[in-house]
Protein backbone atom coordinates (compact mmCIF):
# COMPACT_ATOMS: atom_id res chain seq x y z
CA UNK A 1 0.02 0.00 0.00
CA UNK A 2 1.41 3.38 -1.00
CA UNK A 3 2.09 5.91 1.73
CA UNK A 4 0.74 9.49 1.77
CA UNK A 5 3.46 12.08 2.02
CA UNK A 6 1.35 15.11 2.98
CA UNK A 7 0.47 13.96 6.51
CA UNK A 8 4.12 12.96 7.07
CA UNK A 9 5.38 16.44 6.09
CA UNK A 10 2.77 18.23 8.21
CA UNK A 11 3.31 16.03 11.28
CA UNK A 12 7.09 16.34 10.97
CA UNK A 13 6.69 20.12 10.86
CA UNK A 14 4.58 19.92 13.98
CA UNK A 15 7.31 17.90 15.72
CA UNK A 16 9.99 20.44 14.74
CA UNK A 17 7.83 23.29 16.01
CA UNK A 18 7.18 21.59 19.38
CA UNK A 19 10.89 20.72 19.68
CA UNK A 20 11.86 24.36 19.14
CA UNK A 21 9.24 25.42 21.69
CA UNK A 22 10.67 23.03 24.30
CA UNK A 23 14.18 24.34 23.64
CA UNK A 24 13.46 28.08 23.80
CA UNK A 25 10.88 27.91 26.60
CA UNK A 26 11.60 27.35 30.26
CA UNK A 27 11.30 23.71 31.31
CA UNK A 28 7.65 22.73 31.67
CA UNK A 29 6.41 26.23 30.79
CA UNK A 30 2.61 26.57 30.55
CA UNK A 31 2.92 27.10 26.78
CA UNK A 32 5.02 23.96 26.24
CA UNK A 33 2.76 21.79 28.36
CA UNK A 34 -0.36 23.12 26.64
CA UNK A 35 1.08 22.52 23.15
CA UNK A 36 2.06 18.99 24.31
CA UNK A 37 -1.64 18.09 24.39
CA UNK A 38 -2.05 18.88 20.65
CA UNK A 39 -0.45 15.63 19.27
CA UNK A 40 -2.20 13.67 21.98
CA UNK A 41 -5.69 14.64 20.89
CA UNK A 42 -4.63 14.55 17.27
CA UNK A 43 -3.82 10.85 17.61
CA UNK A 44 -7.27 10.24 19.15
CA UNK A 45 -9.04 11.98 16.24
CA UNK A 46 -6.92 10.08 13.73
CA UNK A 47 -7.85 6.78 15.41
CA UNK A 48 -11.60 7.42 15.27
CA UNK A 49 -11.30 8.79 11.71
CA UNK A 50 -9.50 5.61 10.54
CA UNK A 51 -12.09 3.44 12.28
CA UNK A 52 -14.93 5.38 10.60
CA UNK A 53 -13.34 4.94 7.18
CA UNK A 54 -13.47 1.15 7.54
CA UNK A 55 -16.90 1.20 9.13
CA UNK A 56 -17.89 0.24 12.69
CA UNK A 57 -19.10 -3.21 11.62
CA UNK A 58 -15.89 -4.31 9.89
CA UNK A 59 -13.13 -6.20 11.72
CA UNK A 60 -10.57 -3.51 10.90
CA UNK A 61 -13.03 -0.79 12.00
CA UNK A 62 -13.48 -2.55 15.35
CA UNK A 63 -9.72 -3.07 15.79
CA UNK A 64 -8.96 0.59 15.07
CA UNK A 65 -11.86 1.75 17.24
CA UNK A 66 -10.35 -0.11 20.20
CA UNK A 67 -6.97 1.49 19.49
CA UNK A 68 -8.70 4.89 19.27
CA UNK A 69 -10.44 4.32 22.61
CA UNK A 70 -7.08 3.36 24.10
CA UNK A 71 -5.63 6.62 22.78
CA UNK A 72 -8.63 8.43 24.28
CA UNK A 73 -7.83 6.92 27.71
CA UNK A 74 -4.27 8.15 27.31
CA UNK A 75 -5.56 11.57 26.35
CA UNK A 76 -7.73 11.62 29.51
CA UNK A 77 -4.67 10.73 31.59
CA UNK A 78 -2.61 13.41 29.92
CA UNK A 79 -5.35 16.00 30.51
CA UNK A 80 -5.72 15.05 34.17
CA UNK A 81 -1.92 15.29 34.60
CA UNK A 82 -1.98 18.71 32.92
CA UNK A 83 -4.82 20.02 35.15
CA UNK A 84 -3.33 18.59 38.36
CA UNK A 85 0.05 20.16 37.67
CA UNK A 86 -0.92 23.52 36.18
CA UNK A 87 -4.17 24.39 37.95
CA UNK A 88 -4.62 22.35 41.11
CA UNK A 89 -0.96 22.09 42.25
CA UNK A 90 -1.38 18.34 42.87
CA UNK A 91 1.43 15.88 42.35
CA UNK A 92 0.41 14.11 39.13
CA UNK A 93 2.43 10.94 39.83
CA UNK A 94 1.12 8.73 41.10
CA UNK A 95 -2.49 9.85 40.64
CA UNK A 96 -5.79 8.96 39.02
CA UNK A 97 -4.14 9.86 35.71
CA UNK A 98 -2.19 6.61 35.94
CA UNK A 99 -5.47 4.67 36.10
CA UNK A 100 -6.43 6.02 32.66
CA UNK A 101 -2.95 5.40 31.25
CA UNK A 102 -2.89 1.81 32.42
CA UNK A 103 -6.49 1.00 31.47
CA UNK A 104 -5.62 1.85 27.88
CA UNK A 105 -3.34 -1.17 27.53
CA UNK A 106 -6.13 -3.83 27.49
CA UNK A 107 -7.89 -1.75 24.78
CA UNK A 108 -4.74 -1.58 22.67
CA UNK A 109 -4.10 -5.29 23.12
CA UNK A 110 -7.69 -6.17 22.17
CA UNK A 111 -7.42 -4.02 19.05
CA UNK A 112 -4.18 -5.67 18.04
CA UNK A 113 -5.68 -9.13 18.69
CA UNK A 114 -8.70 -8.44 16.49
CA UNK A 115 -6.46 -7.07 13.76
CA UNK A 116 -4.24 -10.18 13.95
CA UNK A 117 -7.19 -12.60 13.95
CA UNK A 118 -8.50 -10.88 10.84
CA UNK A 119 -5.42 -12.07 9.00
CA UNK A 120 -6.22 -15.71 9.88
CA UNK A 121 -2.63 -16.57 10.69
CA UNK A 122 -1.34 -19.87 9.34
CA UNK A 123 1.75 -20.33 11.50
CA UNK A 124 3.00 -23.27 9.48
CA UNK A 125 3.01 -21.11 6.34
CA UNK A 126 4.80 -18.11 7.85
CA UNK A 127 8.42 -17.42 7.08
CA UNK A 128 10.49 -19.24 9.68
CA UNK A 129 13.25 -16.60 9.54
CA UNK A 130 10.68 -13.83 10.18
CA UNK A 131 9.30 -15.74 13.17
CA UNK A 132 12.81 -16.29 14.56
CA UNK A 133 13.62 -12.61 14.06
CA UNK A 134 10.42 -11.60 15.86
CA UNK A 135 11.13 -13.90 18.80
CA UNK A 136 14.69 -12.62 19.00
CA UNK A 137 13.51 -8.99 19.04
CA UNK A 138 10.97 -9.71 21.76
CA UNK A 139 13.62 -11.54 23.91
CA UNK A 140 16.02 -8.61 23.57
CA UNK A 141 13.31 -6.10 24.46
CA UNK A 142 12.20 -8.26 27.40
CA UNK A 143 15.78 -8.32 28.73
CA UNK A 144 16.07 -4.57 28.31
CA UNK A 145 12.74 -3.92 30.06
CA UNK A 146 13.62 -6.36 32.85
CA UNK A 147 16.81 -4.46 33.58
CA UNK A 148 15.97 -0.83 32.84
CA UNK A 149 12.18 -0.95 33.25
CA UNK A 150 11.98 -3.10 36.40
CA UNK A 151 15.32 -3.61 38.16
CA UNK A 152 16.60 -0.05 37.67
CA UNK A 153 13.18 1.44 38.35
CA UNK A 154 12.55 -0.23 41.71
CA UNK A 155 13.06 2.23 44.53
CA UNK A 156 12.89 0.79 48.10
CA UNK A 157 12.32 4.31 49.47
CA UNK A 158 9.00 4.72 47.68
CA UNK A 159 5.66 2.98 48.30
CA UNK A 160 4.89 -0.43 46.77
CA UNK A 161 2.03 1.15 44.80
CA UNK A 162 4.33 3.74 43.21
CA UNK A 163 6.87 1.07 42.30
CA UNK A 164 4.19 -1.13 40.74
CA UNK A 165 2.80 1.80 38.70
CA UNK A 166 6.27 2.87 37.55
CA UNK A 167 7.19 -0.65 36.42
CA UNK A 168 3.79 -1.37 34.82
CA UNK A 169 4.35 1.06 31.91
CA UNK A 170 7.47 -0.67 30.61
CA UNK A 171 5.86 -4.09 30.94
CA UNK A 172 2.65 -2.91 29.21
CA UNK A 173 4.58 -1.32 26.37
CA UNK A 174 6.62 -4.53 25.96
CA UNK A 175 3.49 -6.70 25.71
CA UNK A 176 2.02 -4.37 23.09
CA UNK A 177 5.19 -4.28 21.03
CA UNK A 178 5.49 -8.07 21.29
CA UNK A 179 1.93 -8.50 20.01
CA UNK A 180 2.56 -5.93 17.25
CA UNK A 181 5.74 -7.68 16.12
CA UNK A 182 3.86 -10.94 15.61
CA UNK A 183 0.99 -9.09 13.96
CA UNK A 184 3.39 -7.70 11.37
CA UNK A 185 3.99 -11.06 9.76
CA UNK A 186 0.28 -11.75 9.57
CA UNK A 187 -0.50 -8.26 8.26
CA UNK A 188 2.09 -8.49 5.51
CA UNK A 189 0.78 -11.87 4.40
CA UNK A 190 -2.85 -10.74 4.43
CA UNK A 191 -4.22 -9.50 1.09
CA UNK A 192 -0.82 -8.60 -0.33
CA UNK A 193 0.36 -6.82 2.80
CA UNK A 194 -2.22 -4.07 2.54
CA UNK A 195 -2.19 -3.51 6.33
CA UNK A 196 1.50 -4.19 6.92
CA UNK A 197 2.52 -0.53 6.76
CA UNK A 198 -0.05 0.45 9.40
CA UNK A 199 1.11 -2.16 11.93
CA UNK A 200 4.76 -1.38 11.21
CA UNK A 201 4.25 2.31 11.96
CA UNK A 202 2.20 1.52 15.09
CA UNK A 203 5.01 -0.73 16.30
CA UNK A 204 7.43 2.15 15.86
CA UNK A 205 5.10 4.52 17.69
CA UNK A 206 4.70 2.22 20.70
CA UNK A 207 8.49 1.65 20.76
CA UNK A 208 8.89 5.42 21.33
CA UNK A 209 6.49 5.11 24.28
CA UNK A 210 8.47 2.18 25.67
CA UNK A 211 11.68 4.19 25.58
CA UNK A 212 10.04 7.31 27.08
CA UNK A 213 8.26 5.34 29.83
CA UNK A 214 11.47 3.62 30.87
CA UNK A 215 13.40 6.90 31.00
CA UNK A 216 10.53 8.49 32.98
CA UNK A 217 10.50 5.63 35.46
CA UNK A 218 14.27 5.84 35.99
CA UNK A 219 14.55 9.65 36.12
CA UNK A 220 11.08 10.47 37.44
CA UNK A 221 12.23 12.76 40.33
CA UNK A 222 14.52 14.73 38.03
CA UNK A 223 11.85 14.89 35.32
CA UNK A 224 9.21 16.16 37.79
CA UNK A 225 11.60 18.95 38.84
CA UNK A 226 11.83 20.04 35.17
CA UNK A 227 15.59 19.61 34.91
CA UNK A 228 17.31 19.25 31.52
CA UNK A 229 17.87 16.99 29.70
CA UNK A 230 15.18 14.81 31.34
CA UNK A 231 12.53 17.35 30.48
CA UNK A 232 13.02 16.37 26.83
CA UNK A 233 11.50 12.96 27.50
CA UNK A 234 8.28 14.75 26.51
CA UNK A 235 9.62 14.94 22.96
CA UNK A 236 9.90 11.14 22.77
CA UNK A 237 6.27 10.77 23.82
CA UNK A 238 5.32 13.47 21.26
CA UNK A 239 7.20 11.51 18.54
CA UNK A 240 5.20 8.43 19.50
CA UNK A 241 1.86 10.18 19.31
CA UNK A 242 2.73 11.80 15.97
CA UNK A 243 4.01 8.53 14.48
CA UNK A 244 0.83 6.72 15.50
CA UNK A 245 -1.23 9.59 14.05
CA UNK A 246 0.65 9.31 10.77
CA UNK A 247 0.12 5.55 10.57
CA UNK A 248 -3.63 5.90 11.19
CA UNK A 249 -4.07 8.82 8.74
CA UNK A 250 -1.92 7.17 6.07
CA UNK A 251 -3.94 3.97 6.23
CA UNK A 252 -7.27 5.79 6.31
CA UNK A 253 -6.49 7.96 3.30
CA UNK A 254 -5.21 4.91 1.36
CA UNK A 255 -8.34 2.93 2.10
CA UNK A 256 -10.61 5.85 1.27
CA UNK A 257 -8.79 6.19 -2.08
CA UNK A 258 -9.43 2.52 -2.79
CA UNK A 259 -13.09 2.88 -1.78
CA UNK A 260 -13.53 5.77 -4.21
CA UNK A 261 -11.98 3.79 -7.05
CA UNK A 262 -14.34 0.89 -6.37
CA UNK A 263 -17.36 3.20 -6.41
């Protein structure tokens, strides 16, 4: 499936603009934190738009709707964090915002599962080298998350709840990326690989979140204080949101183009 260059150019320009804003503004300025929400809600809109293009009754429509709802839960968490920090002077971590962040993971996983089942995987027909590469990638990521996302994150001086929440993000991201890696092979084999590009881009987007979540968990006190360079972890999350937005828009525009040709 051909990719659409216009969304990529626009979203890249958005990323450059936000990066410049973070560099020239004071750490965690009101302007920077307000602009941070833009790619968050943009990803939500892209998710529901892509779902609508397929139709709510189609398997792909249902899969993308679940992903869109997961993004909406993340957006709710981001908004709560923003309000707590900028208007209520409440420590946003840990808080109810984490409940929305973590509840999104089952929705993402369900969406990936439906998308993978649609491809009707025939494991005995899949490329053995691709399967081996996928398993190797997951093992490497699991080792990295175990060390940097769990072992390095654990802090005996904080509460058990805070430790569990901090470690949950890396584990959740790993599970999603693992599911996405296996979905790639199925997506590329399904109908000539029409959906392979979407799942590839989503995998890249969630990988950005994995990296950002691990860095946040390790450097959380420094990040909360707004000290550089840890404050720039926001840019990694922004890159993840924008990449996911691009994947959803690219797929939606491509499918809409096909639908028009059929009509």
